[in-house]
């Protein structure tokens, strides 16, 4: 309800709301692309799973094409692809 009241106040000009341009959804990755991200980090499937906080079997199934990452996993893979050092930093 608060959000609705805020939107109405904004529409009437009584309140200014901060607007944010959201990025597009994370792109889908092929099994080969997921493997390339892991290879870029030079880690095993087990270590990659730990870095992404997913079971090693999930990483193996992604790379084999048996399962497809979605949602937050795709976004995290995208970040790992662009800035692998982020996953390795403490």
PDB file of N, CA and C in Angstrom:
ATOM      1  N   UNK A   1       0.821  -1.188   0.000  1.00  0.00           N
ATOM      2  CA  UNK A   1       0.000   0.000   0.000  1.00  0.00           C
ATOM      3  C   UNK A   1       0.870   1.259   0.000  1.00  0.00           C
ATOM      4  N   UNK A   2       1.977   1.205   0.751  1.00  0.00           N
ATOM      5  CA  UNK A   2       2.849   2.377   0.793  1.00  0.00           C
ATOM      6  C   UNK A   2       3.341   2.739  -0.601  1.00  0.00           C
ATOM      7  N   UNK A   3       3.700   1.724  -1.371  1.00  0.00           N
ATOM      8  CA  UNK A   3       4.168   1.965  -2.730  1.00  0.00           C
ATOM      9  C   UNK A   3       3.098   2.618  -3.587  1.00  0.00           C
ATOM     10  N   UNK A   4       1.868   2.192  -3.405  1.00  0.00           N
ATOM     11  CA  UNK A   4       0.765   2.777  -4.157  1.00  0.00           C
ATOM     12  C   UNK A   4       0.574   4.241  -3.781  1.00  0.00           C
ATOM     13  N   UNK A   5       0.624   4.533  -2.483  1.00  0.00           N
ATOM     14  CA  UNK A   5       0.500   5.921  -2.036  1.00  0.00           C
ATOM     15  C   UNK A   5       1.644   6.777  -2.580  1.00  0.00           C
ATOM     16  N   UNK A   6       2.855   6.223  -2.587  1.00  0.00           N
ATOM     17  CA  UNK A   6       4.003   6.950  -3.138  1.00  0.00           C
ATOM     18  C   UNK A   6       3.799   7.244  -4.619  1.00  0.00           C
ATOM     19  N   UNK A   7       3.318   6.250  -5.362  1.00  0.00           N
ATOM     20  CA  UNK A   7       3.102   6.429  -6.798  1.00  0.00           C
ATOM     21  C   UNK A   7       2.032   7.486  -7.064  1.00  0.00           C
ATOM     22  N   UNK A   8       0.963   7.475  -6.274  1.00  0.00           N
ATOM     23  CA  UNK A   8      -0.089   8.482  -6.435  1.00  0.00           C
ATOM     24  C   UNK A   8       0.428   9.875  -6.110  1.00  0.00           C
ATOM     25  N   UNK A   9       1.199  10.002  -5.039  1.00  0.00           N
ATOM     26  CA  UNK A   9       1.773  11.295  -4.672  1.00  0.00           C
ATOM     27  C   UNK A   9       2.702  11.790  -5.779  1.00  0.00           C
ATOM     28  N   UNK A  10       3.447  10.870  -6.361  1.00  0.00           N
ATOM     29  CA  UNK A  10       4.350  11.231  -7.455  1.00  0.00           C
ATOM     30  C   UNK A  10       3.554  11.699  -8.679  1.00  0.00           C
ATOM     31  N   UNK A  11       2.494  10.991  -8.991  1.00  0.00           N
ATOM     32  CA  UNK A  11       1.666  11.345 -10.146  1.00  0.00           C
ATOM     33  C   UNK A  11       1.027  12.722  -9.972  1.00  0.00           C
ATOM     34  N   UNK A  12       0.696  13.058  -8.739  1.00  0.00           N
ATOM     35  CA  UNK A  12       0.100  14.367  -8.456  1.00  0.00           C
ATOM     36  C   UNK A  12       1.152  15.470  -8.381  1.00  0.00           C
ATOM     37  N   UNK A  13       2.421  15.092  -8.383  1.00  0.00           N
ATOM     38  CA  UNK A  13       3.480  16.082  -8.280  1.00  0.00           C
ATOM     39  C   UNK A  13       3.835  16.441  -6.852  1.00  0.00           C
ATOM     40  N   UNK A  14       3.293  15.706  -5.884  1.00  0.00           N
ATOM     41  CA  UNK A  14       3.552  15.981  -4.472  1.00  0.00           C
ATOM     42  C   UNK A  14       4.847  15.344  -3.982  1.00  0.00           C
ATOM     43  N   UNK A  15       5.368  14.426  -4.725  1.00  0.00           N
ATOM     44  CA  UNK A  15       6.565  13.706  -4.271  1.00  0.00           C
ATOM     45  C   UNK A  15       7.413  13.325  -5.470  1.00  0.00           C
ATOM     46  N   UNK A  16       8.705  13.444  -5.289  1.00  0.00           N
ATOM     47  CA  UNK A  16       9.629  13.056  -6.336  1.00  0.00           C
ATOM     48  C   UNK A  16      10.170  11.666  -6.010  1.00  0.00           C
ATOM     49  N   UNK A  17      10.118  10.774  -6.972  1.00  0.00           N
ATOM     50  CA  UNK A  17      10.635   9.419  -6.783  1.00  0.00           C
ATOM     51  C   UNK A  17      11.890   9.242  -7.620  1.00  0.00           C
ATOM     52  N   UNK A  18      12.848   8.563  -7.047  1.00  0.00           N
ATOM     53  CA  UNK A  18      14.067   8.258  -7.782  1.00  0.00           C
ATOM     54  C   UNK A  18      13.754   7.141  -8.778  1.00  0.00           C
ATOM     55  N   UNK A  19      14.123   7.337 -10.006  1.00  0.00           N
ATOM     56  CA  UNK A  19      13.925   6.298 -11.011  1.00  0.00           C
ATOM     57  C   UNK A  19      15.271   5.677 -11.361  1.00  0.00           C
ATOM     58  N   UNK A  20      15.264   4.423 -11.599  1.00  0.00           N
ATOM     59  CA  UNK A  20      16.471   3.690 -11.914  1.00  0.00           C
ATOM     60  C   UNK A  20      16.268   2.927 -13.213  1.00  0.00           C
ATOM     61  N   UNK A  21      17.251   3.008 -14.064  1.00  0.00           N
ATOM     62  CA  UNK A  21      17.210   2.230 -15.297  1.00  0.00           C
ATOM     63  C   UNK A  21      17.824   0.873 -14.985  1.00  0.00           C
ATOM     64  N   UNK A  22      17.032  -0.152 -15.098  1.00  0.00           N
ATOM     65  CA  UNK A  22      17.503  -1.495 -14.774  1.00  0.00           C
ATOM     66  C   UNK A  22      18.205  -2.121 -15.970  1.00  0.00           C
ATOM     67  N   UNK A  23      19.228  -2.931 -15.699  1.00  0.00           N
ATOM     68  CA  UNK A  23      19.892  -3.622 -16.804  1.00  0.00           C
ATOM     69  C   UNK A  23      18.972  -4.692 -17.373  1.00  0.00           C
ATOM     70  N   UNK A  24      19.224  -5.091 -18.596  1.00  0.00           N
ATOM     71  CA  UNK A  24      18.404  -6.171 -19.163  1.00  0.00           C
ATOM     72  C   UNK A  24      18.687  -7.475 -18.414  1.00  0.00           C
ATOM     73  N   UNK A  25      17.814  -8.453 -18.550  1.00  0.00           N
ATOM     74  CA  UNK A  25      18.074  -9.748 -17.904  1.00  0.00           C
ATOM     75  C   UNK A  25      19.420 -10.312 -18.352  1.00  0.00           C
ATOM     76  N   UNK A  26      20.035 -11.080 -17.488  1.00  0.00           N
ATOM     77  CA  UNK A  26      21.314 -11.701 -17.827  1.00  0.00           C
ATOM     78  C   UNK A  26      21.116 -12.632 -19.020  1.00  0.00           C
ATOM     79  N   UNK A  27      22.059 -12.626 -19.955  1.00  0.00           N
ATOM     80  CA  UNK A  27      21.914 -13.488 -21.129  1.00  0.00           C
ATOM     81  C   UNK A  27      22.072 -14.966 -20.764  1.00  0.00           C
ATOM     82  N   UNK A  28      21.391 -15.801 -21.508  1.00  0.00           N
ATOM     83  CA  UNK A  28      21.548 -17.248 -21.315  1.00  0.00           C
ATOM     84  C   UNK A  28      22.938 -17.644 -21.797  1.00  0.00           C
ATOM     85  N   UNK A  29      23.510 -18.651 -21.166  1.00  0.00           N
ATOM     86  CA  UNK A  29      24.848 -19.109 -21.527  1.00  0.00           C
ATOM     87  C   UNK A  29      24.796 -20.569 -21.960  1.00  0.00           C
ATOM     88  N   UNK A  30      25.527 -20.877 -22.989  1.00  0.00           N
ATOM     89  CA  UNK A  30      25.633 -22.266 -23.448  1.00  0.00           C
ATOM     90  C   UNK A  30      26.556 -23.026 -22.504  1.00  0.00           C
ATOM     91  N   UNK A  31      26.492 -24.357 -22.539  1.00  0.00           N
ATOM     92  CA  UNK A  31      27.422 -25.134 -21.725  1.00  0.00           C
ATOM     93  C   UNK A  31      28.886 -24.774 -22.018  1.00  0.00           C
ATOM     94  N   UNK A  32      29.194 -24.546 -23.288  1.00  0.00           N
ATOM     95  CA  UNK A  32      30.556 -24.174 -23.672  1.00  0.00           C
ATOM     96  C   UNK A  32      30.952 -22.823 -23.065  1.00  0.00           C
ATOM     97  N   UNK A  33      30.029 -21.884 -23.032  1.00  0.00           N
ATOM     98  CA  UNK A  33      30.306 -20.559 -22.460  1.00  0.00           C
ATOM     99  C   UNK A  33      30.511 -20.639 -20.951  1.00  0.00           C
ATOM    100  N   UNK A  34      29.744 -21.491 -20.285  1.00  0.00           N
ATOM    101  CA  UNK A  34      29.912 -21.667 -18.832  1.00  0.00           C
ATOM    102  C   UNK A  34      31.282 -22.260 -18.551  1.00  0.00           C
ATOM    103  N   UNK A  35      31.670 -23.244 -19.341  1.00  0.00           N
ATOM    104  CA  UNK A  35      33.003 -23.845 -19.190  1.00  0.00           C
ATOM    105  C   UNK A  35      34.089 -22.793 -19.424  1.00  0.00           C
ATOM    106  N   UNK A  36      33.872 -21.920 -20.395  1.00  0.00           N
ATOM    107  CA  UNK A  36      34.849 -20.863 -20.691  1.00  0.00           C
ATOM    108  C   UNK A  36      35.006 -19.911 -19.507  1.00  0.00           C
ATOM    109  N   UNK A  37      33.909 -19.613 -18.823  1.00  0.00           N
ATOM    110  CA  UNK A  37      33.994 -18.756 -17.630  1.00  0.00           C
ATOM    111  C   UNK A  37      34.837 -19.446 -16.566  1.00  0.00           C
ATOM    112  N   UNK A  38      34.577 -20.732 -16.359  1.00  0.00           N
ATOM    113  CA  UNK A  38      35.347 -21.487 -15.359  1.00  0.00           C
ATOM    114  C   UNK A  38      36.811 -21.573 -15.764  1.00  0.00           C
ATOM    115  N   UNK A  39      37.073 -21.813 -17.043  1.00  0.00           N
ATOM    116  CA  UNK A  39      38.456 -21.882 -17.531  1.00  0.00           C
ATOM    117  C   UNK A  39      39.168 -20.540 -17.360  1.00  0.00           C
ATOM    118  N   UNK A  40      38.435 -19.463 -17.539  1.00  0.00           N
ATOM    119  CA  UNK A  40      39.003 -18.128 -17.368  1.00  0.00           C
ATOM    120  C   UNK A  40      39.494 -17.938 -15.925  1.00  0.00           C
ATOM    121  N   UNK A  41      38.781 -18.542 -14.983  1.00  0.00           N
ATOM    122  CA  UNK A  41      39.169 -18.465 -13.578  1.00  0.00           C
ATOM    123  C   UNK A  41      40.257 -19.482 -13.220  1.00  0.00           C
ATOM    124  N   UNK A  42      40.468 -20.454 -14.119  1.00  0.00           N
ATOM    125  CA  UNK A  42      41.456 -21.520 -13.903  1.00  0.00           C
ATOM    126  C   UNK A  42      41.174 -22.307 -12.613  1.00  0.00           C
ATOM    127  N   UNK A  43      39.914 -22.737 -12.474  1.00  0.00           N
ATOM    128  CA  UNK A  43      39.519 -23.511 -11.295  1.00  0.00           C
ATOM    129  C   UNK A  43      38.784 -24.773 -11.722  1.00  0.00           C
ATOM    130  N   UNK A  44      38.732 -25.726 -10.819  1.00  0.00           N
ATOM    131  CA  UNK A  44      38.000 -26.969 -11.056  1.00  0.00           C
ATOM    132  C   UNK A  44      36.502 -26.717 -10.920  1.00  0.00           C
ATOM    133  N   UNK A  45      35.708 -27.709 -11.317  1.00  0.00           N
ATOM    134  CA  UNK A  45      34.264 -27.599 -11.149  1.00  0.00           C
ATOM    135  C   UNK A  45      33.907 -27.452  -9.675  1.00  0.00           C
ATOM    136  N   UNK A  46      34.609 -28.175  -8.817  1.00  0.00           N
ATOM    137  CA  UNK A  46      34.329 -28.107  -7.384  1.00  0.00           C
ATOM    138  C   UNK A  46      34.585 -26.703  -6.829  1.00  0.00           C
ATOM    139  N   UNK A  47      35.698 -26.114  -7.207  1.00  0.00           N
ATOM    140  CA  UNK A  47      36.019 -24.762  -6.734  1.00  0.00           C
ATOM    141  C   UNK A  47      35.046 -23.752  -7.340  1.00  0.00           C
ATOM    142  N   UNK A  48      34.726 -23.918  -8.604  1.00  0.00           N
ATOM    143  CA  UNK A  48      33.783 -23.018  -9.260  1.00  0.00           C
ATOM    144  C   UNK A  48      32.426 -23.070  -8.553  1.00  0.00           C
ATOM    145  N   UNK A  49      31.997 -24.270  -8.221  1.00  0.00           N
ATOM    146  CA  UNK A  49      30.744 -24.426  -7.475  1.00  0.00           C
ATOM    147  C   UNK A  49      30.782 -23.697  -6.139  1.00  0.00           C
ATOM    148  N   UNK A  50      31.905 -23.813  -5.446  1.00  0.00           N
ATOM    149  CA  UNK A  50      32.046 -23.105  -4.159  1.00  0.00           C
ATOM    150  C   UNK A  50      31.998 -21.600  -4.358  1.00  0.00           C
ATOM    151  N   UNK A  51      32.650 -21.114  -5.416  1.00  0.00           N
ATOM    152  CA  UNK A  51      32.659 -19.676  -5.687  1.00  0.00           C
ATOM    153  C   UNK A  51      31.248 -19.148  -5.993  1.00  0.00           C
ATOM    154  N   UNK A  52      30.453 -19.981  -6.671  1.00  0.00           N
ATOM    155  CA  UNK A  52      29.094 -19.586  -7.042  1.00  0.00           C
ATOM    156  C   UNK A  52      28.062 -19.991  -5.997  1.00  0.00           C
ATOM    157  N   UNK A  53      28.508 -20.733  -4.992  1.00  0.00           N
ATOM    158  CA  UNK A  53      27.639 -21.238  -3.933  1.00  0.00           C
ATOM    159  C   UNK A  53      26.569 -22.194  -4.473  1.00  0.00           C
ATOM    160  N   UNK A  54      27.014 -23.075  -5.371  1.00  0.00           N
ATOM    161  CA  UNK A  54      26.142 -24.120  -5.914  1.00  0.00           C
ATOM    162  C   UNK A  54      26.879 -25.455  -5.796  1.00  0.00           C
ATOM    163  N   UNK A  55      26.156 -26.563  -5.738  1.00  0.00           N
ATOM    164  CA  UNK A  55      26.809 -27.870  -5.679  1.00  0.00           C
ATOM    165  C   UNK A  55      27.622 -28.154  -6.942  1.00  0.00           C
ATOM    166  N   UNK A  56      28.688 -28.912  -6.786  1.00  0.00           N
ATOM    167  CA  UNK A  56      29.542 -29.252  -7.922  1.00  0.00           C
ATOM    168  C   UNK A  56      28.746 -29.986  -8.995  1.00  0.00           C
ATOM    169  N   UNK A  57      27.769 -30.783  -8.597  1.00  0.00           N
ATOM    170  CA  UNK A  57      26.954 -31.514  -9.577  1.00  0.00           C
ATOM    171  C   UNK A  57      26.170 -30.536 -10.459  1.00  0.00           C
ATOM    172  N   UNK A  58      25.786 -29.397  -9.900  1.00  0.00           N
ATOM    173  CA  UNK A  58      25.077 -28.379 -10.681  1.00  0.00           C
ATOM    174  C   UNK A  58      25.991 -27.824 -11.762  1.00  0.00           C
ATOM    175  N   UNK A  59      27.227 -27.511 -11.394  1.00  0.00           N
ATOM    176  CA  UNK A  59      28.198 -27.010 -12.374  1.00  0.00           C
ATOM    177  C   UNK A  59      28.408 -28.058 -13.463  1.00  0.00           C
ATOM    178  N   UNK A  60      28.574 -29.310 -13.067  1.00  0.00           N
ATOM    179  CA  UNK A  60      28.791 -30.391 -14.040  1.00  0.00           C
ATOM    180  C   UNK A  60      27.599 -30.507 -14.994  1.00  0.00           C
ATOM    181  N   UNK A  61      26.396 -30.416 -14.470  1.00  0.00           N
ATOM    182  CA  UNK A  61      25.200 -30.531 -15.326  1.00  0.00           C
ATOM    183  C   UNK A  61      25.055 -29.316 -16.236  1.00  0.00           C
ATOM    184  N   UNK A  62      25.429 -28.122 -15.756  1.00  0.00           N
ATOM    185  CA  UNK A  62      25.406 -26.941 -16.620  1.00  0.00           C
ATOM    186  C   UNK A  62      26.349 -27.144 -17.799  1.00  0.00           C
ATOM    187  N   UNK A  63      27.565 -27.617 -17.488  1.00  0.00           N
ATOM    188  CA  UNK A  63      28.583 -27.781 -18.535  1.00  0.00           C
ATOM    189  C   UNK A  63      28.251 -28.926 -19.485  1.00  0.00           C
ATOM    190  N   UNK A  64      27.503 -29.907 -19.012  1.00  0.00           N
ATOM    191  CA  UNK A  64      27.102 -31.028 -19.862  1.00  0.00           C
ATOM    192  C   UNK A  64      25.842 -30.699 -20.664  1.00  0.00           C
ATOM    193  N   UNK A  65      25.171 -29.615 -20.322  1.00  0.00           N
ATOM    194  CA  UNK A  65      23.943 -29.246 -21.009  1.00  0.00           C
ATOM    195  C   UNK A  65      22.711 -29.941 -20.462  1.00  0.00           C
ATOM    196  N   UNK A  66      22.854 -30.653 -19.344  1.00  0.00           N
ATOM    197  CA  UNK A  66      21.717 -31.352 -18.743  1.00  0.00           C
ATOM    198  C   UNK A  66      20.789 -30.398 -17.986  1.00  0.00           C
ATOM    199  N   UNK A  67      21.333 -29.310 -17.501  1.00  0.00           N
ATOM    200  CA  UNK A  67      20.552 -28.283 -16.803  1.00  0.00           C
ATOM    201  C   UNK A  67      21.002 -26.923 -17.307  1.00  0.00           C
ATOM    202  N   UNK A  68      20.153 -25.932 -17.101  1.00  0.00           N
ATOM    203  CA  UNK A  68      20.482 -24.569 -17.523  1.00  0.00           C
ATOM    204  C   UNK A  68      20.380 -23.639 -16.323  1.00  0.00           C
ATOM    205  N   UNK A  69      21.385 -22.800 -16.112  1.00  0.00           N
ATOM    206  CA  UNK A  69      21.283 -21.839 -15.016  1.00  0.00           C
ATOM    207  C   UNK A  69      20.206 -20.805 -15.333  1.00  0.00           C
ATOM    208  N   UNK A  70      19.604 -20.266 -14.297  1.00  0.00           N
ATOM    209  CA  UNK A  70      18.589 -19.233 -14.503  1.00  0.00           C
ATOM    210  C   UNK A  70      18.698 -18.204 -13.384  1.00  0.00           C
ATOM    211  N   UNK A  71      17.974 -17.131 -13.529  1.00  0.00           N
ATOM    212  CA  UNK A  71      17.858 -16.131 -12.483  1.00  0.00           C
ATOM    213  C   UNK A  71      19.185 -15.611 -11.958  1.00  0.00           C
ATOM    214  N   UNK A  72      19.336 -15.705 -10.643  1.00  0.00           N
ATOM    215  CA  UNK A  72      20.523 -15.177  -9.976  1.00  0.00           C
ATOM    216  C   UNK A  72      21.798 -15.868 -10.450  1.00  0.00           C
ATOM    217  N   UNK A  73      21.713 -17.149 -10.764  1.00  0.00           N
ATOM    218  CA  UNK A  73      22.899 -17.876 -11.236  1.00  0.00           C
ATOM    219  C   UNK A  73      23.392 -17.295 -12.567  1.00  0.00           C
ATOM    220  N   UNK A  74      22.473 -16.958 -13.456  1.00  0.00           N
ATOM    221  CA  UNK A  74      22.874 -16.353 -14.734  1.00  0.00           C
ATOM    222  C   UNK A  74      23.539 -14.995 -14.510  1.00  0.00           C
ATOM    223  N   UNK A  75      22.983 -14.200 -13.590  1.00  0.00           N
ATOM    224  CA  UNK A  75      23.567 -12.890 -13.313  1.00  0.00           C
ATOM    225  C   UNK A  75      24.968 -13.060 -12.733  1.00  0.00           C
ATOM    226  N   UNK A  76      25.133 -14.008 -11.812  1.00  0.00           N
ATOM    227  CA  UNK A  76      26.441 -14.244 -11.211  1.00  0.00           C
ATOM    228  C   UNK A  76      27.444 -14.753 -12.243  1.00  0.00           C
ATOM    229  N   UNK A  77      27.013 -15.609 -13.141  1.00  0.00           N
ATOM    230  CA  UNK A  77      27.887 -16.074 -14.215  1.00  0.00           C
ATOM    231  C   UNK A  77      28.292 -14.927 -15.137  1.00  0.00           C
ATOM    232  N   UNK A  78      27.352 -14.013 -15.387  1.00  0.00           N
ATOM    233  CA  UNK A  78      27.656 -12.853 -16.209  1.00  0.00           C
ATOM    234  C   UNK A  78      28.717 -11.978 -15.530  1.00  0.00           C
ATOM    235  N   UNK A  79      28.572 -11.778 -14.232  1.00  0.00           N
ATOM    236  CA  UNK A  79      29.557 -10.991 -13.473  1.00  0.00           C
ATOM    237  C   UNK A  79      30.909 -11.699 -13.502  1.00  0.00           C
ATOM    238  N   UNK A  80      30.900 -13.012 -13.320  1.00  0.00           N
ATOM    239  CA  UNK A  80      32.148 -13.782 -13.342  1.00  0.00           C
ATOM    240  C   UNK A  80      32.826 -13.683 -14.697  1.00  0.00           C
ATOM    241  N   UNK A  81      32.038 -13.647 -15.748  1.00  0.00           N
ATOM    242  CA  UNK A  81      32.585 -13.556 -17.099  1.00  0.00           C
ATOM    243  C   UNK A  81      33.238 -12.191 -17.329  1.00  0.00           C
ATOM    244  N   UNK A  82      32.566 -11.131 -16.881  1.00  0.00           N
ATOM    245  CA  UNK A  82      33.087  -9.774 -17.097  1.00  0.00           C
ATOM    246  C   UNK A  82      34.203  -9.398 -16.130  1.00  0.00           C
ATOM    247  N   UNK A  83      34.069  -9.818 -14.869  1.00  0.00           N
ATOM    248  CA  UNK A  83      35.029  -9.428 -13.828  1.00  0.00           C
ATOM    249  C   UNK A  83      35.353 -10.623 -12.942  1.00  0.00           C
ATOM    250  N   UNK A  84      36.107 -11.580 -13.446  1.00  0.00           N
ATOM    251  CA  UNK A  84      36.363 -12.806 -12.671  1.00  0.00           C
ATOM    252  C   UNK A  84      37.014 -12.545 -11.314  1.00  0.00           C
ATOM    253  N   UNK A  85      37.769 -11.453 -11.215  1.00  0.00           N
ATOM    254  CA  UNK A  85      38.446 -11.151  -9.943  1.00  0.00           C
ATOM    255  C   UNK A  85      37.449 -10.919  -8.812  1.00  0.00           C
ATOM    256  N   UNK A  86      36.223 -10.564  -9.140  1.00  0.00           N
ATOM    257  CA  UNK A  86      35.198 -10.333  -8.108  1.00  0.00           C
ATOM    258  C   UNK A  86      34.944 -11.620  -7.323  1.00  0.00           C
ATOM    259  N   UNK A  87      34.888 -12.747  -8.019  1.00  0.00           N
ATOM    260  CA  UNK A  87      34.647 -14.018  -7.336  1.00  0.00           C
ATOM    261  C   UNK A  87      35.835 -14.463  -6.500  1.00  0.00           C
ATOM    262  N   UNK A  88      37.014 -14.051  -6.891  1.00  0.00           N
ATOM    263  CA  UNK A  88      38.224 -14.497  -6.200  1.00  0.00           C
ATOM    264  C   UNK A  88      38.618 -13.582  -5.054  1.00  0.00           C
ATOM    265  N   UNK A  89      38.004 -12.397  -4.963  1.00  0.00           N
ATOM    266  CA  UNK A  89      38.370 -11.465  -3.892  1.00  0.00           C
ATOM    267  C   UNK A  89      37.709 -11.878  -2.598  1.00  0.00           C
ATOM    268  N   UNK A  90      38.315 -11.504  -1.520  1.00  0.00           N
ATOM    269  CA  UNK A  90      37.765 -11.843  -0.203  1.00  0.00           C
ATOM    270  C   UNK A  90      36.934 -10.733   0.267  1.00  0.00           C
TER     271      UNK A  90
END
